[in-house]
Amino acid sequence: MEDSVDHHLARWRGKAPYDERTEAIITRMQFLVKHVHQAKDRALAEIGLQEFEFETLHRLVSHGGSMTPSELAQELLLSPAGMTGRLDTLEQAGLVRRLRGTGDRRRVGVELTDAGHAKWLAAMEVRAVVEGDMVAALDPAAQETLDALLRQMLAKVETDRNAASTR
């Protein structure tokens, strides 16, 4: 069974210096990631969420439903201004609320609302279906093998990166 990467490799064969197997593996991973992103974006759109909204709700859920804006900004790699805009949008939609500190009015917390949790849960369910459909192309044994191989590749990349950063 051929895929678009086979055509890509044929088009470049003999024209560029690269290892064909490496090119095939990396390009397939890139294309799969692209398809995953597109499928997840479509799934989120079905329930009325954008990726940035989902990611913010997801972080809040992972921290028990509340964080400070600066904690959220740090986890999401956003500037304080970017985080403020994001929280404004989510608050207007009723998915989060800002709470002023009782002891220090300058301290603000962000809390997930019941509506925000319900929207996040719906997104998780839809995304699980999308991901499951993609992985279903492989039988359970092949899924285990692929998982082990990807773990091996990722562990090497992470080990190499950590070693480089300590030099």
C-alpha atoms as a PDB file:
ATOM      1  CA  MET A   1       0.000   0.000   0.000  1.00  0.00           C
ATOM      2  CA  GLU A   2       1.465   3.344  -1.071  1.00  0.00           C
ATOM      3  CA  ASP A   3       1.037   6.672   0.673  1.00  0.00           C
ATOM      4  CA  SER A   4       1.927  10.273  -0.141  1.00  0.00           C
ATOM      5  CA  VAL A   5       5.431   9.839   1.287  1.00  0.00           C
ATOM      6  CA  ASP A   6       6.205   7.142  -1.278  1.00  0.00           C
ATOM      7  CA  HIS A   7       5.413   9.694  -3.985  1.00  0.00           C
ATOM      8  CA  HIS A   8       7.512  12.319  -2.188  1.00  0.00           C
ATOM      9  CA  LEU A   9      10.494   9.934  -2.046  1.00  0.00           C
ATOM     10  CA  ALA A  10      10.151   9.004  -5.719  1.00  0.00           C
ATOM     11  CA  ARG A  11      10.059  12.670  -6.708  1.00  0.00           C
ATOM     12  CA  TRP A  12      13.311  13.385  -4.805  1.00  0.00           C
ATOM     13  CA  ARG A  13      15.180  10.136  -5.497  1.00  0.00           C
ATOM     14  CA  GLY A  14      18.614  10.977  -6.907  1.00  0.00           C
ATOM     15  CA  LYS A  15      18.070  14.747  -6.593  1.00  0.00           C
ATOM     16  CA  ALA A  16      19.043  15.398  -2.985  1.00  0.00           C
ATOM     17  CA  PRO A  17      21.593  13.845  -0.640  1.00  0.00           C
ATOM     18  CA  TYR A  18      19.649  12.097   2.133  1.00  0.00           C
ATOM     19  CA  ASP A  19      19.086   8.672   3.578  1.00  0.00           C
ATOM     20  CA  GLU A  20      15.810   7.498   2.064  1.00  0.00           C
ATOM     21  CA  ARG A  21      14.688   5.422   5.074  1.00  0.00           C
ATOM     22  CA  THR A  22      15.337   8.312   7.461  1.00  0.00           C
ATOM     23  CA  GLU A  23      13.498  10.694   5.140  1.00  0.00           C
ATOM     24  CA  ALA A  24      10.563   8.262   4.926  1.00  0.00           C
ATOM     25  CA  ILE A  25      10.280   7.874   8.717  1.00  0.00           C
ATOM     26  CA  ILE A  26      10.633  11.559   9.562  1.00  0.00           C
ATOM     27  CA  THR A  27       8.316  12.720   6.765  1.00  0.00           C
ATOM     28  CA  ARG A  28       5.633  10.204   7.764  1.00  0.00           C
ATOM     29  CA  MET A  29       5.850  11.391  11.373  1.00  0.00           C
ATOM     30  CA  GLN A  30       5.546  15.020  10.226  1.00  0.00           C
ATOM     31  CA  PHE A  31       2.545  14.241   8.020  1.00  0.00           C
ATOM     32  CA  LEU A  32       0.850  12.270  10.790  1.00  0.00           C
ATOM     33  CA  VAL A  33       1.348  15.124  13.253  1.00  0.00           C
ATOM     34  CA  LYS A  34      -0.154  17.512  10.688  1.00  0.00           C
ATOM     35  CA  HIS A  35      -3.168  15.208  10.211  1.00  0.00           C
ATOM     36  CA  VAL A  36      -3.605  14.873  13.989  1.00  0.00           C
ATOM     37  CA  HIS A  37      -3.603  18.663  14.422  1.00  0.00           C
ATOM     38  CA  GLN A  38      -6.113  19.164  11.617  1.00  0.00           C
ATOM     39  CA  ALA A  39      -8.411  16.416  12.918  1.00  0.00           C
ATOM     40  CA  LYS A  40      -8.259  17.760  16.475  1.00  0.00           C
ATOM     41  CA  ASP A  41      -8.962  21.307  15.285  1.00  0.00           C
ATOM     42  CA  ARG A  42     -12.044  20.066  13.375  1.00  0.00           C
ATOM     43  CA  ALA A  43     -13.171  18.108  16.441  1.00  0.00           C
ATOM     44  CA  LEU A  44     -12.777  21.149  18.690  1.00  0.00           C
ATOM     45  CA  ALA A  45     -14.662  23.322  16.207  1.00  0.00           C
ATOM     46  CA  GLU A  46     -17.587  20.874  16.446  1.00  0.00           C
ATOM     47  CA  ILE A  47     -18.021  21.753  20.113  1.00  0.00           C
ATOM     48  CA  GLY A  48     -17.188  25.432  19.710  1.00  0.00           C
ATOM     49  CA  LEU A  49     -13.640  25.593  21.056  1.00  0.00           C
ATOM     50  CA  GLN A  50     -10.412  26.799  19.537  1.00  0.00           C
ATOM     51  CA  GLU A  51      -7.092  25.101  20.299  1.00  0.00           C
ATOM     52  CA  PHE A  52      -5.883  27.946  22.556  1.00  0.00           C
ATOM     53  CA  GLU A  53      -9.092  27.757  24.601  1.00  0.00           C
ATOM     54  CA  PHE A  54      -8.819  23.999  24.967  1.00  0.00           C
ATOM     55  CA  GLU A  55      -5.154  24.196  26.017  1.00  0.00           C
ATOM     56  CA  THR A  56      -5.946  26.756  28.716  1.00  0.00           C
ATOM     57  CA  LEU A  57      -8.858  24.698  30.067  1.00  0.00           C
ATOM     58  CA  HIS A  58      -6.689  21.573  29.884  1.00  0.00           C
ATOM     59  CA  ARG A  59      -3.979  23.187  32.036  1.00  0.00           C
ATOM     60  CA  LEU A  60      -6.539  24.326  34.569  1.00  0.00           C
ATOM     61  CA  VAL A  61      -8.026  20.825  34.843  1.00  0.00           C
ATOM     62  CA  SER A  62      -4.555  19.320  35.270  1.00  0.00           C
ATOM     63  CA  HIS A  63      -3.998  21.642  38.253  1.00  0.00           C
ATOM     64  CA  GLY A  64      -7.260  20.891  40.017  1.00  0.00           C
ATOM     65  CA  GLY A  65      -9.270  23.644  38.341  1.00  0.00           C
ATOM     66  CA  SER A  66      -7.401  26.743  39.499  1.00  0.00           C
ATOM     67  CA  MET A  67      -4.121  28.528  38.872  1.00  0.00           C
ATOM     68  CA  THR A  68      -2.798  32.059  38.813  1.00  0.00           C
ATOM     69  CA  PRO A  69      -2.566  33.880  35.490  1.00  0.00           C
ATOM     70  CA  SER A  70       1.235  33.911  35.772  1.00  0.00           C
ATOM     71  CA  GLU A  71       1.319  30.134  36.338  1.00  0.00           C
ATOM     72  CA  LEU A  72      -0.876  29.620  33.294  1.00  0.00           C
ATOM     73  CA  ALA A  73       1.236  31.987  31.187  1.00  0.00           C
ATOM     74  CA  GLN A  74       4.401  30.161  32.195  1.00  0.00           C
ATOM     75  CA  GLU A  75       2.979  26.723  31.367  1.00  0.00           C
ATOM     76  CA  LEU A  76       1.539  27.898  28.053  1.00  0.00           C
ATOM     77  CA  LEU A  77       4.661  29.909  27.152  1.00  0.00           C
ATOM     78  CA  LEU A  78       2.697  33.156  26.823  1.00  0.00           C
ATOM     79  CA  SER A  79       3.414  36.737  27.746  1.00  0.00           C
ATOM     80  CA  PRO A  80       1.314  38.229  30.550  1.00  0.00           C
ATOM     81  CA  ALA A  81      -0.531  40.353  27.975  1.00  0.00           C
ATOM     82  CA  GLY A  82      -1.232  37.288  25.831  1.00  0.00           C
ATOM     83  CA  MET A  83      -2.538  35.432  28.863  1.00  0.00           C
ATOM     84  CA  THR A  84      -4.785  38.350  29.823  1.00  0.00           C
ATOM     85  CA  GLY A  85      -6.380  38.369  26.367  1.00  0.00           C
ATOM     86  CA  ARG A  86      -6.895  34.631  26.480  1.00  0.00           C
ATOM     87  CA  LEU A  87      -8.486  34.795  29.935  1.00  0.00           C
ATOM     88  CA  ASP A  88     -10.737  37.676  28.848  1.00  0.00           C
ATOM     89  CA  THR A  89     -12.086  35.508  26.020  1.00  0.00           C
ATOM     90  CA  LEU A  90     -12.628  32.476  28.262  1.00  0.00           C
ATOM     91  CA  GLU A  91     -14.226  34.567  31.012  1.00  0.00           C
ATOM     92  CA  GLN A  92     -16.629  36.222  28.565  1.00  0.00           C
ATOM     93  CA  ALA A  93     -17.628  32.738  27.379  1.00  0.00           C
ATOM     94  CA  GLY A  94     -18.303  31.694  30.986  1.00  0.00           C
ATOM     95  CA  LEU A  95     -15.615  28.979  30.942  1.00  0.00           C
ATOM     96  CA  VAL A  96     -13.377  30.508  33.634  1.00  0.00           C
ATOM     97  CA  ARG A  97     -13.696  33.145  36.324  1.00  0.00           C
ATOM     98  CA  ARG A  98     -11.120  35.385  37.932  1.00  0.00           C
ATOM     99  CA  LEU A  99     -11.079  35.539  41.717  1.00  0.00           C
ATOM    100  CA  ARG A 100      -9.463  38.317  43.744  1.00  0.00           C
ATOM    101  CA  GLY A 101      -7.420  37.229  46.742  1.00  0.00           C
ATOM    102  CA  THR A 102      -9.068  37.945  50.095  1.00  0.00           C
ATOM    103  CA  GLY A 103      -5.850  38.907  51.877  1.00  0.00           C
ATOM    104  CA  ASP A 104      -4.138  40.613  48.940  1.00  0.00           C
ATOM    105  CA  ARG A 105      -6.528  42.147  46.385  1.00  0.00           C
ATOM    106  CA  ARG A 106      -3.673  42.317  43.871  1.00  0.00           C
ATOM    107  CA  ARG A 107      -3.490  38.529  43.791  1.00  0.00           C
ATOM    108  CA  VAL A 108      -5.814  37.029  41.181  1.00  0.00           C
ATOM    109  CA  GLY A 109      -6.675  33.394  40.670  1.00  0.00           C
ATOM    110  CA  VAL A 110      -8.278  31.755  37.674  1.00  0.00           C
ATOM    111  CA  GLU A 111     -10.876  29.093  38.293  1.00  0.00           C
ATOM    112  CA  LEU A 112     -12.538  26.699  35.892  1.00  0.00           C
ATOM    113  CA  THR A 113     -16.333  27.017  35.886  1.00  0.00           C
ATOM    114  CA  ASP A 114     -18.707  24.063  35.644  1.00  0.00           C
ATOM    115  CA  ALA A 115     -19.403  25.112  32.040  1.00  0.00           C
ATOM    116  CA  GLY A 116     -15.670  25.229  31.358  1.00  0.00           C
ATOM    117  CA  HIS A 117     -15.170  21.755  32.791  1.00  0.00           C
ATOM    118  CA  ALA A 118     -18.085  20.398  30.753  1.00  0.00           C
ATOM    119  CA  LYS A 119     -16.684  21.967  27.559  1.00  0.00           C
ATOM    120  CA  TRP A 120     -13.216  20.534  28.307  1.00  0.00           C
ATOM    121  CA  LEU A 121     -14.699  17.081  28.949  1.00  0.00           C
ATOM    122  CA  ALA A 122     -16.654  17.190  25.682  1.00  0.00           C
ATOM    123  CA  ALA A 123     -13.456  18.171  23.845  1.00  0.00           C
ATOM    124  CA  MET A 124     -11.539  15.309  25.454  1.00  0.00           C
ATOM    125  CA  GLU A 125     -14.207  12.827  24.368  1.00  0.00           C
ATOM    126  CA  VAL A 126     -14.210  14.070  20.767  1.00  0.00           C
ATOM    127  CA  ARG A 127     -10.417  14.168  20.608  1.00  0.00           C
ATOM    128  CA  ALA A 128     -10.232  10.609  21.982  1.00  0.00           C
ATOM    129  CA  VAL A 129     -12.412   9.405  19.115  1.00  0.00           C
ATOM    130  CA  VAL A 130     -10.233  11.209  16.546  1.00  0.00           C
ATOM    131  CA  GLU A 131      -7.027   9.772  18.027  1.00  0.00           C
ATOM    132  CA  GLY A 132      -8.543   6.315  18.382  1.00  0.00           C
ATOM    133  CA  ASP A 133      -9.607   6.293  14.743  1.00  0.00           C
ATOM    134  CA  MET A 134      -6.057   7.070  13.624  1.00  0.00           C
ATOM    135  CA  VAL A 135      -4.434   4.430  15.836  1.00  0.00           C
ATOM    136  CA  ALA A 136      -7.070   1.850  14.852  1.00  0.00           C
ATOM    137  CA  ALA A 137      -5.218   1.380  11.541  1.00  0.00           C
ATOM    138  CA  LEU A 138      -2.869  -0.836  13.584  1.00  0.00           C
ATOM    139  CA  ASP A 139      -3.763  -4.010  15.454  1.00  0.00           C
ATOM    140  CA  PRO A 140      -3.012  -4.031  19.215  1.00  0.00           C
ATOM    141  CA  ALA A 141       0.361  -5.758  18.800  1.00  0.00           C
ATOM    142  CA  ALA A 142       1.464  -3.242  16.168  1.00  0.00           C
ATOM    143  CA  GLN A 143       0.273  -0.389  18.427  1.00  0.00           C
ATOM    144  CA  GLU A 144       2.477  -1.732  21.233  1.00  0.00           C
ATOM    145  CA  THR A 145       5.436  -2.066  18.884  1.00  0.00           C
ATOM    146  CA  LEU A 146       4.986   1.449  17.519  1.00  0.00           C
ATOM    147  CA  ASP A 147       4.658   2.860  21.030  1.00  0.00           C
ATOM    148  CA  ALA A 148       7.880   1.123  22.102  1.00  0.00           C
ATOM    149  CA  LEU A 149       9.766   2.329  19.022  1.00  0.00           C
ATOM    150  CA  LEU A 150       8.586   5.923  19.418  1.00  0.00           C
ATOM    151  CA  ARG A 151       9.500   5.811  23.129  1.00  0.00           C
ATOM    152  CA  GLN A 152      12.990   4.629  22.188  1.00  0.00           C
ATOM    153  CA  MET A 153      13.424   7.443  19.647  1.00  0.00           C
ATOM    154  CA  LEU A 154      12.068  10.117  21.992  1.00  0.00           C
ATOM    155  CA  ALA A 155      14.197   8.935  24.925  1.00  0.00           C
ATOM    156  CA  LYS A 156      17.331   9.244  22.770  1.00  0.00           C
ATOM    157  CA  VAL A 157      16.417  12.716  21.563  1.00  0.00           C
ATOM    158  CA  GLU A 158      15.639  13.847  25.122  1.00  0.00           C
ATOM    159  CA  THR A 159      18.851  12.291  26.475  1.00  0.00           C
ATOM    160  CA  ASP A 160      20.911  13.965  23.733  1.00  0.00           C
ATOM    161  CA  ARG A 161      19.215  17.321  24.387  1.00  0.00           C
ATOM    162  CA  ASN A 162      19.802  17.075  28.142  1.00  0.00           C
ATOM    163  CA  ALA A 163      23.446  16.134  27.606  1.00  0.00           C
ATOM    164  CA  ALA A 164      23.922  19.095  25.241  1.00  0.00           C
ATOM    165  CA  SER A 165      22.341  21.534  27.709  1.00  0.00           C
ATOM    166  CA  THR A 166      24.683  20.482  30.542  1.00  0.00           C
ATOM    167  CA  ARG A 167      27.825  21.125  28.472  1.00  0.00           C
END
